[in-house]
N, C-alpha and C. Protein backbone atom coordinates (compact mmCIF):
# COMPACT_ATOMS: atom_id res chain seq x y z
N MET A 1 86.69 75.31 111.41
CA MET A 1 86.40 75.17 109.96
C MET A 1 85.24 74.17 109.78
N GLU A 2 85.14 73.25 110.60
CA GLU A 2 83.90 72.32 110.42
C GLU A 2 82.66 73.07 110.64
N GLN A 3 82.55 73.97 111.64
CA GLN A 3 81.45 74.81 111.79
C GLN A 3 81.25 75.91 110.80
N LEU A 4 82.41 76.39 110.38
CA LEU A 4 82.28 77.57 109.42
C LEU A 4 81.66 77.22 108.05
N VAL A 5 82.06 76.04 107.48
CA VAL A 5 81.52 75.63 106.14
C VAL A 5 79.99 75.43 106.19
N PRO A 6 79.42 74.71 107.14
CA PRO A 6 78.01 74.43 107.11
C PRO A 6 77.28 75.89 107.39
N ASP A 7 77.79 76.84 108.21
CA ASP A 7 77.18 78.07 108.45
C ASP A 7 77.15 78.90 107.15
N SER A 8 78.31 78.82 106.47
CA SER A 8 78.27 79.66 105.10
C SER A 8 77.35 79.00 104.10
N ASP A 9 77.26 77.66 104.07
CA ASP A 9 76.31 76.95 103.21
C ASP A 9 74.85 77.43 103.51
N LEU A 10 74.62 77.47 104.77
CA LEU A 10 73.20 77.71 105.20
C LEU A 10 72.83 79.23 104.79
N LYS A 11 73.80 80.04 105.06
CA LYS A 11 73.51 81.44 104.73
C LYS A 11 73.41 81.69 103.24
N LEU A 12 74.21 80.97 102.40
CA LEU A 12 74.16 81.17 100.95
C LEU A 12 72.76 80.68 100.52
N THR A 13 72.22 79.49 101.11
CA THR A 13 70.80 78.92 100.84
C THR A 13 69.73 79.99 101.24
N GLN A 14 69.85 80.57 102.29
CA GLN A 14 69.01 81.65 102.72
C GLN A 14 68.93 82.78 101.68
N TYR A 15 70.19 83.16 101.13
CA TYR A 15 70.14 84.21 100.24
C TYR A 15 69.42 83.88 99.05
N HIS A 16 69.56 82.67 98.52
CA HIS A 16 69.01 82.22 97.20
C HIS A 16 67.50 82.06 97.45
N THR A 17 67.09 81.84 98.54
CA THR A 17 65.63 81.62 98.78
C THR A 17 64.90 82.83 99.37
N ASN A 18 65.62 83.96 99.41
CA ASN A 18 65.21 85.27 99.89
C ASN A 18 64.63 85.15 101.35
N ARG A 19 65.21 84.32 102.15
CA ARG A 19 64.82 84.21 103.71
C ARG A 19 65.75 85.08 104.47
N ASN A 20 66.90 85.46 103.99
CA ASN A 20 67.82 86.32 104.74
C ASN A 20 68.69 87.15 103.76
N PHE A 21 69.16 88.22 104.22
CA PHE A 21 69.92 89.11 103.50
C PHE A 21 71.01 89.72 104.27
N PRO A 22 72.21 90.02 103.72
CA PRO A 22 73.29 90.81 104.49
C PRO A 22 72.74 92.31 104.77
N SER A 23 73.47 92.77 105.78
CA SER A 23 72.98 94.17 106.25
C SER A 23 73.13 95.19 105.18
N TRP A 24 74.18 95.11 104.29
CA TRP A 24 74.36 96.07 103.27
C TRP A 24 73.12 96.18 102.40
N TRP A 25 72.48 95.03 102.12
CA TRP A 25 71.33 94.93 101.15
C TRP A 25 70.28 95.80 101.63
N GLN A 26 69.94 95.81 102.87
CA GLN A 26 68.78 96.55 103.54
C GLN A 26 69.10 98.08 103.30
N ASN A 27 70.36 98.38 103.41
CA ASN A 27 70.67 99.87 103.28
C ASN A 27 70.63 100.29 101.83
N PHE A 28 71.03 99.26 100.90
CA PHE A 28 71.05 99.51 99.40
C PHE A 28 69.58 99.84 99.01
N LYS A 29 68.57 99.06 99.39
CA LYS A 29 67.25 99.14 99.08
C LYS A 29 66.76 100.39 99.65
N LYS A 30 67.06 100.78 100.86
CA LYS A 30 66.53 102.08 101.45
C LYS A 30 66.96 103.16 100.66
N ASP A 31 68.25 103.20 100.23
CA ASP A 31 68.78 104.28 99.49
C ASP A 31 68.12 104.29 98.07
N TRP A 32 67.94 103.16 97.51
CA TRP A 32 67.20 102.93 96.18
C TRP A 32 65.81 103.56 96.26
N ASN A 33 65.03 103.21 97.38
CA ASN A 33 63.66 103.65 97.42
C ASN A 33 63.65 105.17 97.60
N LYS A 34 64.60 105.70 98.32
CA LYS A 34 64.64 107.17 98.55
C LYS A 34 64.89 107.89 97.23
N ALA A 35 65.78 107.22 96.36
CA ALA A 35 66.06 107.86 95.19
C ALA A 35 64.85 107.82 94.12
N ILE A 36 64.05 106.70 94.30
CA ILE A 36 62.84 106.62 93.46
C ILE A 36 61.92 107.76 93.82
N ASN A 37 61.74 107.95 95.09
CA ASN A 37 60.73 108.99 95.57
C ASN A 37 61.05 110.34 95.30
N LYS A 38 62.28 110.72 94.82
CA LYS A 38 62.79 112.06 94.65
C LYS A 38 62.28 112.60 93.24
N ASN A 39 62.04 113.84 93.25
CA ASN A 39 61.51 114.47 92.03
C ASN A 39 62.77 114.69 91.04
N ILE A 40 62.53 114.58 89.84
CA ILE A 40 63.54 114.69 88.77
C ILE A 40 63.22 116.03 88.05
N GLU A 41 64.17 116.89 88.07
CA GLU A 41 63.98 118.15 87.43
C GLU A 41 64.06 118.10 85.87
N PRO A 42 63.45 118.85 85.04
CA PRO A 42 63.53 118.74 83.68
C PRO A 42 64.93 119.09 83.20
N GLY A 43 65.36 118.56 82.11
CA GLY A 43 66.85 118.97 81.58
C GLY A 43 67.88 118.24 82.26
N MET A 44 67.62 117.15 83.02
CA MET A 44 68.71 116.41 83.73
C MET A 44 69.80 115.88 82.82
N ASP A 45 69.47 115.45 81.65
CA ASP A 45 70.36 114.92 80.67
C ASP A 45 71.28 115.94 80.25
N GLU A 46 70.99 117.16 80.12
CA GLU A 46 71.73 118.35 79.62
C GLU A 46 72.68 118.79 80.74
N ARG A 47 72.19 118.66 82.13
CA ARG A 47 72.86 119.08 83.16
C ARG A 47 73.93 118.24 83.48
N TYR A 48 73.64 116.84 83.57
CA TYR A 48 74.59 115.76 84.08
C TYR A 48 74.97 114.86 83.02
N HIS A 49 75.95 114.13 83.15
CA HIS A 49 76.39 113.09 82.25
C HIS A 49 75.90 111.80 82.91
N ILE A 50 74.81 111.29 82.37
CA ILE A 50 74.06 110.14 83.06
C ILE A 50 74.26 108.88 82.05
N ASP A 51 74.93 107.82 82.51
CA ASP A 51 75.21 106.68 81.71
C ASP A 51 74.67 105.53 82.43
N ALA A 52 73.43 105.03 82.27
CA ALA A 52 72.86 103.95 82.99
C ALA A 52 73.51 102.59 82.61
N ILE A 53 74.07 102.54 81.35
CA ILE A 53 74.61 101.40 80.93
C ILE A 53 76.04 101.04 81.70
N ASN A 54 76.72 102.05 81.88
CA ASN A 54 77.99 101.78 82.76
C ASN A 54 77.89 102.25 84.10
N TRP A 55 76.67 102.69 84.32
CA TRP A 55 76.26 103.23 85.80
C TRP A 55 77.16 104.30 86.33
N ILE A 56 77.16 105.32 85.49
CA ILE A 56 78.02 106.46 85.94
C ILE A 56 77.03 107.71 85.82
N CYS A 57 77.19 108.65 86.83
CA CYS A 57 76.57 109.97 86.73
C CYS A 57 77.40 111.03 87.34
N SER A 58 77.38 112.18 86.77
CA SER A 58 78.29 113.20 87.28
C SER A 58 77.63 114.14 88.29
N CYS A 59 76.54 113.80 88.81
CA CYS A 59 75.88 114.63 89.85
C CYS A 59 76.58 114.42 91.22
N PRO A 60 76.50 115.34 92.15
CA PRO A 60 77.11 115.15 93.52
C PRO A 60 76.51 114.02 94.26
N ALA A 61 75.32 113.73 94.18
CA ALA A 61 74.72 112.70 94.93
C ALA A 61 75.47 111.28 94.73
N TYR A 62 75.77 111.07 93.31
CA TYR A 62 76.34 109.83 92.91
C TYR A 62 77.70 109.76 93.55
N SER A 63 78.47 110.68 93.57
CA SER A 63 79.82 110.61 94.03
C SER A 63 79.87 110.40 95.54
N GLN A 64 78.84 110.89 96.30
CA GLN A 64 78.75 110.77 97.81
C GLN A 64 78.00 109.54 98.14
N SER A 65 77.48 108.81 97.29
CA SER A 65 76.74 107.59 97.68
C SER A 65 77.74 106.47 97.89
N ARG A 66 77.55 105.68 98.93
CA ARG A 66 78.42 104.48 99.18
C ARG A 66 78.07 103.35 98.26
N TYR A 67 76.85 103.47 97.67
CA TYR A 67 76.42 102.35 96.76
C TYR A 67 76.31 102.86 95.30
N LEU A 68 76.88 104.02 95.04
CA LEU A 68 76.90 104.50 93.69
C LEU A 68 75.43 104.70 93.14
N LEU A 69 74.47 105.32 94.05
CA LEU A 69 73.19 105.60 93.60
C LEU A 69 72.80 106.92 93.56
N CYS A 70 71.96 107.27 92.67
CA CYS A 70 71.33 108.72 92.55
C CYS A 70 70.14 108.55 91.92
N LYS A 71 69.28 109.58 92.04
CA LYS A 71 67.90 109.59 91.53
C LYS A 71 67.87 109.57 89.93
N HIS A 72 68.86 109.96 89.25
CA HIS A 72 68.90 110.07 87.87
C HIS A 72 69.08 108.53 87.37
N LEU A 73 70.11 107.93 87.90
CA LEU A 73 70.39 106.48 87.32
C LEU A 73 69.18 105.58 87.72
N VAL A 74 68.64 105.76 89.09
CA VAL A 74 67.54 104.91 89.41
C VAL A 74 66.25 105.17 88.51
N ALA A 75 66.00 106.42 88.10
CA ALA A 75 64.89 106.76 87.17
C ALA A 75 65.09 106.16 85.86
N LYS A 76 66.47 106.21 85.39
CA LYS A 76 66.78 105.69 84.08
C LYS A 76 66.63 104.19 84.02
N LYS A 77 66.98 103.46 85.17
CA LYS A 77 66.85 102.00 85.15
C LYS A 77 65.45 101.62 85.26
N ASN A 78 64.72 102.28 86.29
CA ASN A 78 63.34 101.94 86.37
C ASN A 78 62.95 100.46 86.55
N ILE A 79 63.71 99.94 87.56
CA ILE A 79 63.35 98.50 88.08
C ILE A 79 63.36 98.40 89.38
N LEU A 80 62.91 97.26 90.03
CA LEU A 80 63.04 96.96 91.37
C LEU A 80 64.12 95.95 91.50
N PRO A 81 65.35 96.20 91.98
CA PRO A 81 66.51 95.24 92.01
C PRO A 81 66.31 94.10 92.95
N THR A 82 66.71 92.99 92.68
CA THR A 82 66.72 91.83 93.68
C THR A 82 68.09 91.49 94.19
N PHE A 83 68.25 91.01 95.23
CA PHE A 83 69.56 90.89 95.91
C PHE A 83 70.51 89.91 95.03
N MET A 84 70.02 88.82 94.51
CA MET A 84 70.87 87.87 93.77
C MET A 84 71.16 88.39 92.46
N GLU A 85 70.51 89.33 92.03
CA GLU A 85 70.76 89.87 90.60
C GLU A 85 71.55 91.28 90.57
N THR A 86 71.86 91.70 91.82
CA THR A 86 72.60 92.88 91.98
C THR A 86 74.19 92.70 92.26
N VAL A 87 74.85 93.25 91.46
CA VAL A 87 76.40 92.98 91.55
C VAL A 87 77.16 94.23 91.48
N ARG A 88 78.12 94.49 92.47
CA ARG A 88 79.01 95.56 92.49
C ARG A 88 80.23 95.14 91.76
N ARG A 89 80.82 95.97 90.79
CA ARG A 89 81.86 95.57 90.09
C ARG A 89 83.03 96.56 90.09
N HIS A 90 84.25 96.07 89.76
CA HIS A 90 85.32 96.99 89.53
C HIS A 90 85.54 97.54 88.22
N GLU A 91 84.72 97.07 87.31
CA GLU A 91 84.81 97.66 85.88
C GLU A 91 83.38 97.96 85.53
N TYR A 92 83.14 98.57 84.32
CA TYR A 92 81.95 98.94 83.88
C TYR A 92 81.10 97.76 83.38
N PRO A 93 79.76 97.81 83.72
CA PRO A 93 79.08 98.69 84.53
C PRO A 93 79.44 98.53 86.02
N LEU A 94 79.63 99.55 86.73
CA LEU A 94 80.06 99.54 88.12
C LEU A 94 78.98 98.88 88.97
N VAL A 95 77.73 99.03 88.67
CA VAL A 95 76.78 98.22 89.32
C VAL A 95 75.99 97.48 88.23
N PHE A 96 75.83 96.22 88.32
CA PHE A 96 75.20 95.37 87.37
C PHE A 96 73.97 94.59 87.88
N PHE A 97 72.93 94.57 87.10
CA PHE A 97 71.80 93.94 87.46
C PHE A 97 71.50 92.75 86.47
N GLY A 98 71.08 91.64 87.10
CA GLY A 98 70.88 90.48 86.34
C GLY A 98 69.92 90.40 85.09
N THR A 99 69.12 91.52 85.02
CA THR A 99 68.23 91.64 83.92
C THR A 99 69.06 92.34 82.63
N ASP A 100 70.28 92.83 82.91
CA ASP A 100 70.97 93.48 81.78
C ASP A 100 71.96 92.26 81.05
N LYS A 101 72.30 92.71 79.90
CA LYS A 101 73.19 91.80 79.16
C LYS A 101 74.52 92.50 79.38
N ILE A 102 75.30 91.85 80.07
CA ILE A 102 76.69 92.45 80.57
C ILE A 102 77.76 92.30 79.33
N SER A 103 78.50 93.21 79.19
CA SER A 103 79.63 93.11 78.13
C SER A 103 80.91 93.51 78.80
N PRO A 104 82.00 92.80 78.38
CA PRO A 104 83.32 92.98 79.06
C PRO A 104 83.73 94.36 78.76
N ILE A 105 84.39 94.94 79.70
CA ILE A 105 85.03 96.35 79.68
C ILE A 105 86.15 96.32 78.49
N CYS A 106 86.14 97.54 77.80
CA CYS A 106 87.20 97.75 76.95
C CYS A 106 88.45 97.76 77.60
N GLN A 107 89.50 97.05 77.12
CA GLN A 107 90.76 96.85 77.72
C GLN A 107 91.50 98.16 78.10
N GLU A 108 91.35 99.06 77.06
CA GLU A 108 92.02 100.42 77.29
C GLU A 108 91.37 101.24 78.52
N ASN A 109 90.28 100.92 78.90
CA ASN A 109 89.61 101.55 79.88
C ASN A 109 89.63 100.72 81.22
N ASP A 110 90.20 99.56 81.15
CA ASP A 110 90.24 98.67 82.44
C ASP A 110 91.35 99.29 83.35
N PRO A 111 90.92 99.77 84.47
CA PRO A 111 91.91 100.35 85.38
C PRO A 111 93.05 99.30 85.92
N TRP A 112 92.62 97.93 85.81
CA TRP A 112 93.60 96.98 86.32
C TRP A 112 94.68 96.80 85.19
N GLU A 113 94.22 96.96 83.88
CA GLU A 113 95.07 96.87 82.80
C GLU A 113 96.09 98.18 82.73
N ARG A 114 95.45 99.21 83.08
CA ARG A 114 96.16 100.49 82.85
C ARG A 114 97.20 100.76 84.00
N TYR A 115 96.72 100.58 85.33
CA TYR A 115 97.47 101.02 86.43
C TYR A 115 97.95 99.81 87.16
N GLY A 116 97.48 98.45 86.96
CA GLY A 116 97.89 97.37 87.69
C GLY A 116 99.38 97.15 87.49
N PRO A 117 100.03 97.10 86.32
CA PRO A 117 101.46 96.95 86.19
C PRO A 117 102.23 98.05 86.98
N ILE A 118 101.68 99.25 86.97
CA ILE A 118 102.40 100.35 87.67
C ILE A 118 102.48 100.10 89.16
N ILE A 119 101.25 99.72 89.63
CA ILE A 119 101.18 99.42 91.09
C ILE A 119 102.11 98.27 91.50
N ILE A 120 102.20 97.29 90.68
CA ILE A 120 102.94 96.06 91.03
C ILE A 120 104.33 96.42 90.94
N GLU A 121 104.85 97.29 89.91
CA GLU A 121 106.23 97.64 89.75
C GLU A 121 106.62 98.54 90.94
N ASP A 122 105.73 99.43 91.43
CA ASP A 122 106.01 100.32 92.62
C ASP A 122 106.13 99.40 93.90
N TYR A 123 105.30 98.49 93.84
CA TYR A 123 105.44 97.57 95.09
C TYR A 123 106.74 96.76 95.06
N LEU A 124 107.16 96.25 93.93
CA LEU A 124 108.43 95.56 93.82
C LEU A 124 109.60 96.48 94.08
N ILE A 125 109.50 97.70 93.71
CA ILE A 125 110.55 98.73 93.94
C ILE A 125 110.73 98.87 95.51
N LYS A 126 109.55 99.20 96.13
CA LYS A 126 109.52 99.35 97.62
C LYS A 126 110.17 98.12 98.38
N GLU A 127 109.81 96.95 97.77
CA GLU A 127 110.29 95.76 98.45
C GLU A 127 111.79 95.56 98.37
N SER A 128 112.28 96.01 97.18
CA SER A 128 113.78 95.92 96.82
C SER A 128 114.46 97.02 97.44
N HIS A 129 113.95 98.03 97.88
CA HIS A 129 114.51 99.19 98.48
C HIS A 129 113.76 99.55 99.80
N PRO A 130 113.86 98.78 100.83
CA PRO A 130 113.07 99.10 102.05
C PRO A 130 113.43 100.43 102.76
N SER A 131 112.53 100.96 103.46
CA SER A 131 112.67 102.26 104.08
C SER A 131 113.58 102.08 105.22
N SER A 132 114.14 103.17 105.73
CA SER A 132 115.15 103.24 106.86
C SER A 132 114.52 102.62 108.04
N SER A 133 113.25 102.90 108.32
CA SER A 133 112.64 102.29 109.51
C SER A 133 112.58 100.73 109.37
N ASN A 134 112.21 100.24 108.10
CA ASN A 134 112.26 98.89 107.98
C ASN A 134 113.63 98.22 108.12
N LEU A 135 114.75 98.99 107.61
CA LEU A 135 116.15 98.58 107.74
C LEU A 135 116.42 98.46 109.22
N GLN A 136 116.06 99.51 109.98
CA GLN A 136 116.30 99.37 111.48
C GLN A 136 115.67 98.34 112.02
N SER A 137 114.42 97.96 111.77
CA SER A 137 113.75 96.85 112.37
C SER A 137 114.49 95.40 112.00
N ILE A 138 114.84 95.39 110.72
CA ILE A 138 115.51 94.22 110.32
C ILE A 138 116.82 94.10 111.16
N GLU A 139 117.62 95.20 111.21
CA GLU A 139 118.82 95.03 111.92
C GLU A 139 118.73 94.71 113.35
N LEU A 140 117.63 95.26 113.91
CA LEU A 140 117.44 95.00 115.35
C LEU A 140 116.92 93.59 115.52
N ALA A 141 116.18 92.97 114.68
CA ALA A 141 115.84 91.48 114.72
C ALA A 141 117.03 90.60 114.48
N GLU A 142 117.96 90.99 113.54
CA GLU A 142 119.13 90.22 113.36
C GLU A 142 120.04 90.23 114.57
N ARG A 143 120.20 91.43 115.27
CA ARG A 143 121.12 91.45 116.41
C ARG A 143 120.44 90.69 117.65
N ASN A 144 119.04 90.77 117.71
CA ASN A 144 118.41 89.89 118.78
C ASN A 144 118.51 88.42 118.49
N SER A 145 118.51 88.09 117.19
CA SER A 145 118.60 86.67 116.84
C SER A 145 120.12 86.14 117.17
N ALA A 146 121.09 87.07 116.81
CA ALA A 146 122.42 86.62 116.97
C ALA A 146 122.74 86.49 118.56
N LYS A 147 122.08 87.43 119.32
CA LYS A 147 122.34 87.46 120.74
C LYS A 147 121.70 86.08 121.43
N ASP A 148 120.45 85.69 120.89
CA ASP A 148 119.77 84.50 121.32
C ASP A 148 120.65 83.28 121.03
N GLU A 149 121.31 83.31 119.83
CA GLU A 149 122.14 82.21 119.42
C GLU A 149 123.25 82.08 120.25
N ILE A 150 124.01 83.23 120.61
CA ILE A 150 125.19 83.11 121.46
C ILE A 150 124.74 82.59 122.96
N GLU A 151 123.60 83.01 123.54
CA GLU A 151 123.16 82.46 124.77
C GLU A 151 122.99 81.02 124.68
N VAL A 152 122.49 80.55 123.65
CA VAL A 152 122.27 79.07 123.46
C VAL A 152 123.64 78.28 123.48
N LYS A 153 124.55 78.90 122.68
CA LYS A 153 125.95 78.39 122.65
C LYS A 153 126.68 78.44 123.99
N LEU A 154 126.38 79.51 124.68
CA LEU A 154 127.07 79.65 126.01
C LEU A 154 126.55 78.53 126.96
N ALA A 155 125.25 78.25 126.92
CA ALA A 155 124.73 77.29 127.82
C ALA A 155 125.23 75.95 127.44
N HIS A 156 125.46 75.64 126.09
CA HIS A 156 125.86 74.41 125.67
C HIS A 156 127.35 74.22 126.02
N TYR A 157 128.23 75.31 125.84
CA TYR A 157 129.59 75.16 126.24
C TYR A 157 129.89 74.95 127.71
N GLU A 158 128.94 75.53 128.58
CA GLU A 158 129.03 75.38 129.98
C GLU A 158 128.69 73.93 130.36
N LYS A 159 127.73 73.36 129.65
CA LYS A 159 127.39 72.01 129.99
C LYS A 159 128.52 71.04 129.52
N ILE A 160 129.12 71.37 128.33
CA ILE A 160 130.20 70.36 127.91
C ILE A 160 131.42 70.48 128.78
N PHE A 161 131.80 71.66 129.18
CA PHE A 161 132.94 71.93 130.05
C PHE A 161 132.74 71.26 131.46
N ASN A 162 131.57 71.43 131.97
CA ASN A 162 131.30 70.74 133.23
C ASN A 162 131.45 69.18 133.14
N LEU A 163 130.85 68.67 131.96
CA LEU A 163 130.89 67.24 131.74
C LEU A 163 132.33 66.73 131.60
N ALA A 164 133.19 67.61 130.91
CA ALA A 164 134.53 67.17 130.76
C ALA A 164 135.23 67.27 132.08
N LEU A 165 134.98 68.18 132.92
CA LEU A 165 135.63 68.21 134.25
C LEU A 165 135.14 67.02 135.11
N ALA A 166 133.93 66.75 134.99
CA ALA A 166 133.39 65.62 135.63
C ALA A 166 134.02 64.18 135.14
N LEU A 167 134.36 64.07 133.94
CA LEU A 167 135.08 62.89 133.36
C LEU A 167 136.37 62.89 133.79
N TYR A 168 137.03 64.02 133.79
CA TYR A 168 138.57 64.12 134.22
C TYR A 168 138.71 63.68 135.63
N GLN A 169 137.73 64.13 136.45
CA GLN A 169 137.80 63.83 137.87
C GLN A 169 137.56 62.33 138.11
N ARG A 170 136.57 61.76 137.32
CA ARG A 170 136.33 60.29 137.49
C ARG A 170 137.38 59.39 137.03
N GLU A 171 138.05 59.92 136.03
CA GLU A 171 139.20 59.06 135.36
C GLU A 171 140.55 59.58 135.78
N GLU A 172 140.73 60.14 136.82
CA GLU A 172 141.97 60.71 137.26
C GLU A 172 143.03 59.54 137.46
N ASP A 173 142.65 58.38 137.78
CA ASP A 173 143.65 57.29 137.89
C ASP A 173 143.77 56.51 136.52
N ASN A 174 143.15 56.99 135.56
CA ASN A 174 143.26 56.38 134.19
C ASN A 174 144.39 57.18 133.38
N THR A 175 145.59 56.65 133.45
CA THR A 175 146.78 57.48 132.85
C THR A 175 146.50 57.80 131.47
N HIS A 176 146.07 56.76 130.61
CA HIS A 176 145.91 57.06 129.14
C HIS A 176 144.83 58.13 128.88
N PHE A 177 143.74 58.14 129.61
CA PHE A 177 142.62 59.16 129.48
C PHE A 177 143.11 60.45 129.73
N VAL A 178 143.90 60.61 131.05
CA VAL A 178 144.34 61.90 131.41
C VAL A 178 145.37 62.44 130.48
N LYS A 179 146.20 61.53 129.91
CA LYS A 179 147.23 62.03 129.00
C LYS A 179 146.55 62.60 127.61
N SER A 180 145.50 61.87 127.15
CA SER A 180 144.93 62.32 125.95
C SER A 180 143.96 63.60 126.30
N PHE A 181 143.49 63.54 127.41
CA PHE A 181 142.54 64.73 127.71
C PHE A 181 143.51 66.08 127.74
N ASP A 182 144.69 65.87 128.47
CA ASP A 182 145.62 67.10 128.69
C ASP A 182 146.01 67.50 127.33
N SER A 183 146.43 66.59 126.34
CA SER A 183 146.85 66.93 125.04
C SER A 183 145.63 67.68 124.29
N LEU A 184 144.44 67.35 124.39
CA LEU A 184 143.32 68.03 123.71
C LEU A 184 143.08 69.43 124.36
N MET A 185 143.38 69.57 125.62
CA MET A 185 143.05 70.76 126.37
C MET A 185 144.14 71.83 126.14
N LYS A 186 145.41 71.42 125.83
CA LYS A 186 146.40 72.46 125.72
C LYS A 186 146.19 73.70 124.93
N PRO A 187 145.65 73.52 123.62
CA PRO A 187 145.39 74.69 122.81
C PRO A 187 144.31 75.54 123.40
N VAL A 188 143.28 74.91 124.01
CA VAL A 188 142.21 75.69 124.61
C VAL A 188 142.79 76.51 125.80
N ILE A 189 143.62 75.79 126.75
CA ILE A 189 144.16 76.54 127.80
C ILE A 189 145.07 77.62 127.44
N LYS A 190 145.90 77.47 126.39
CA LYS A 190 146.75 78.38 125.99
C LYS A 190 145.99 79.61 125.46
N ALA A 191 144.93 79.45 124.71
CA ALA A 191 144.21 80.56 124.12
C ALA A 191 143.58 81.39 125.26
N VAL A 192 143.03 80.72 126.32
CA VAL A 192 142.27 81.33 127.43
C VAL A 192 143.34 82.04 128.16
N GLU A 193 144.60 81.55 128.36
CA GLU A 193 145.55 82.24 129.22
C GLU A 193 146.11 83.46 128.48
N GLU A 194 146.16 83.46 127.13
CA GLU A 194 146.54 84.66 126.41
C GLU A 194 145.42 85.69 126.60
N CYS A 195 144.28 85.34 126.50
CA CYS A 195 143.12 86.31 126.68
C CYS A 195 143.26 87.00 128.08
N GLU A 196 143.45 86.08 129.18
CA GLU A 196 143.43 86.62 130.50
C GLU A 196 144.78 87.61 130.72
N LYS A 197 145.91 87.23 130.05
CA LYS A 197 146.95 88.06 130.04
C LYS A 197 146.77 89.44 129.39
N LYS A 198 146.12 89.37 128.40
CA LYS A 198 145.82 90.69 127.53
C LYS A 198 144.85 91.59 128.29
N LEU A 199 143.91 90.97 128.92
CA LEU A 199 142.85 91.77 129.71
C LEU A 199 143.55 92.22 130.97
N GLY A 200 144.44 91.46 131.55
CA GLY A 200 145.07 91.94 132.75
C GLY A 200 146.03 93.05 132.44
N ALA A 201 146.81 92.95 131.26
CA ALA A 201 147.74 94.04 130.97
C ALA A 201 147.15 95.31 130.48
N HIS A 202 145.86 95.44 130.14
CA HIS A 202 145.05 96.57 129.53
C HIS A 202 145.93 97.08 128.26
N ILE A 203 146.55 96.20 127.51
CA ILE A 203 147.19 96.56 126.23
C ILE A 203 146.25 96.74 125.21
N GLN A 204 146.41 97.90 124.28
CA GLN A 204 145.47 98.07 123.14
C GLN A 204 145.55 97.06 122.25
N GLN A 205 144.48 96.74 121.51
CA GLN A 205 144.33 95.70 120.55
C GLN A 205 145.34 95.80 119.33
N SER A 206 145.75 96.96 119.03
CA SER A 206 146.63 97.30 117.96
C SER A 206 148.08 96.72 118.27
N ALA A 207 148.41 96.48 119.54
CA ALA A 207 149.78 96.02 119.86
C ALA A 207 149.86 94.48 119.82
N TRP A 208 148.58 93.92 119.58
CA TRP A 208 148.55 92.51 119.45
C TRP A 208 148.47 92.02 118.13
N SER A 209 149.30 91.04 117.64
CA SER A 209 149.10 90.49 116.30
C SER A 209 148.45 89.06 116.42
N SER A 210 148.17 88.50 115.29
CA SER A 210 147.56 87.20 115.14
C SER A 210 148.44 86.11 115.79
N LYS A 211 149.84 86.34 115.66
CA LYS A 211 150.80 85.50 116.11
C LYS A 211 150.72 85.36 117.66
N SER A 212 150.25 86.31 118.44
CA SER A 212 150.30 86.34 119.84
C SER A 212 149.08 85.45 120.27
N GLY A 213 148.24 85.02 119.47
CA GLY A 213 147.05 84.23 119.70
C GLY A 213 145.76 84.72 119.19
N LYS A 214 145.31 83.91 118.27
CA LYS A 214 144.16 84.24 117.36
C LYS A 214 142.84 84.65 118.33
N LEU A 215 142.67 83.95 119.40
CA LEU A 215 141.58 84.28 120.20
C LEU A 215 141.83 85.62 120.95
N ALA A 216 142.99 85.80 121.51
CA ALA A 216 143.21 86.96 122.26
C ALA A 216 143.30 88.32 121.32
N PHE A 217 143.58 88.00 120.10
CA PHE A 217 143.65 89.24 119.12
C PHE A 217 142.34 89.95 119.00
N TRP A 218 141.23 89.11 119.15
CA TRP A 218 140.02 89.63 118.84
C TRP A 218 139.19 90.26 120.15
N LEU A 219 139.87 90.21 121.23
CA LEU A 219 139.28 90.85 122.44
C LEU A 219 139.17 92.30 122.21
N ARG A 220 138.18 92.78 122.94
CA ARG A 220 137.92 94.32 122.86
C ARG A 220 138.22 94.90 124.27
């Protein structure tokens, strides 16, 4: 960022002093000069709709030009454009030169006013109703996230159980600790034994009720 800002400031200074130009400007001038040197056939105003104020022409060359140039508009304008005074716009005039007196576009002809709300509404509808591929991606991401969370819990449980066994072994001569530890472990041991029993017997889940053990009931 520290290098980007000075570089941009230097480039802008070079633009204002006509010491340097972007690559598109060289191409723009080249196309402009080509249009100037082309012959204009008589009756062009009757043949094409030429509007130099809004910078519109109905000729094929205009629609195919990347800079919206054609010999008819260039001849009508009859100027040598400069870089700092040439502006490409999203509203009329589509190309604006600093020597002109610009006027704001009529609101009813402003494409942002006419189509902007529709585009935004369509975007919001698509966001609120994602496609099937997007739904599949979301579901896959959620499954992967849940799996990662379980792996983290598994590692944590393993660490806690190993620590508990190490404490039990260290305090095996401590009657009060052993008694309290056994009391806390009883429901855990019971639930694990019920799961082991169910898995060993290969009994279908439907034969098990929640009374047989909440943990074992959810085994698959």
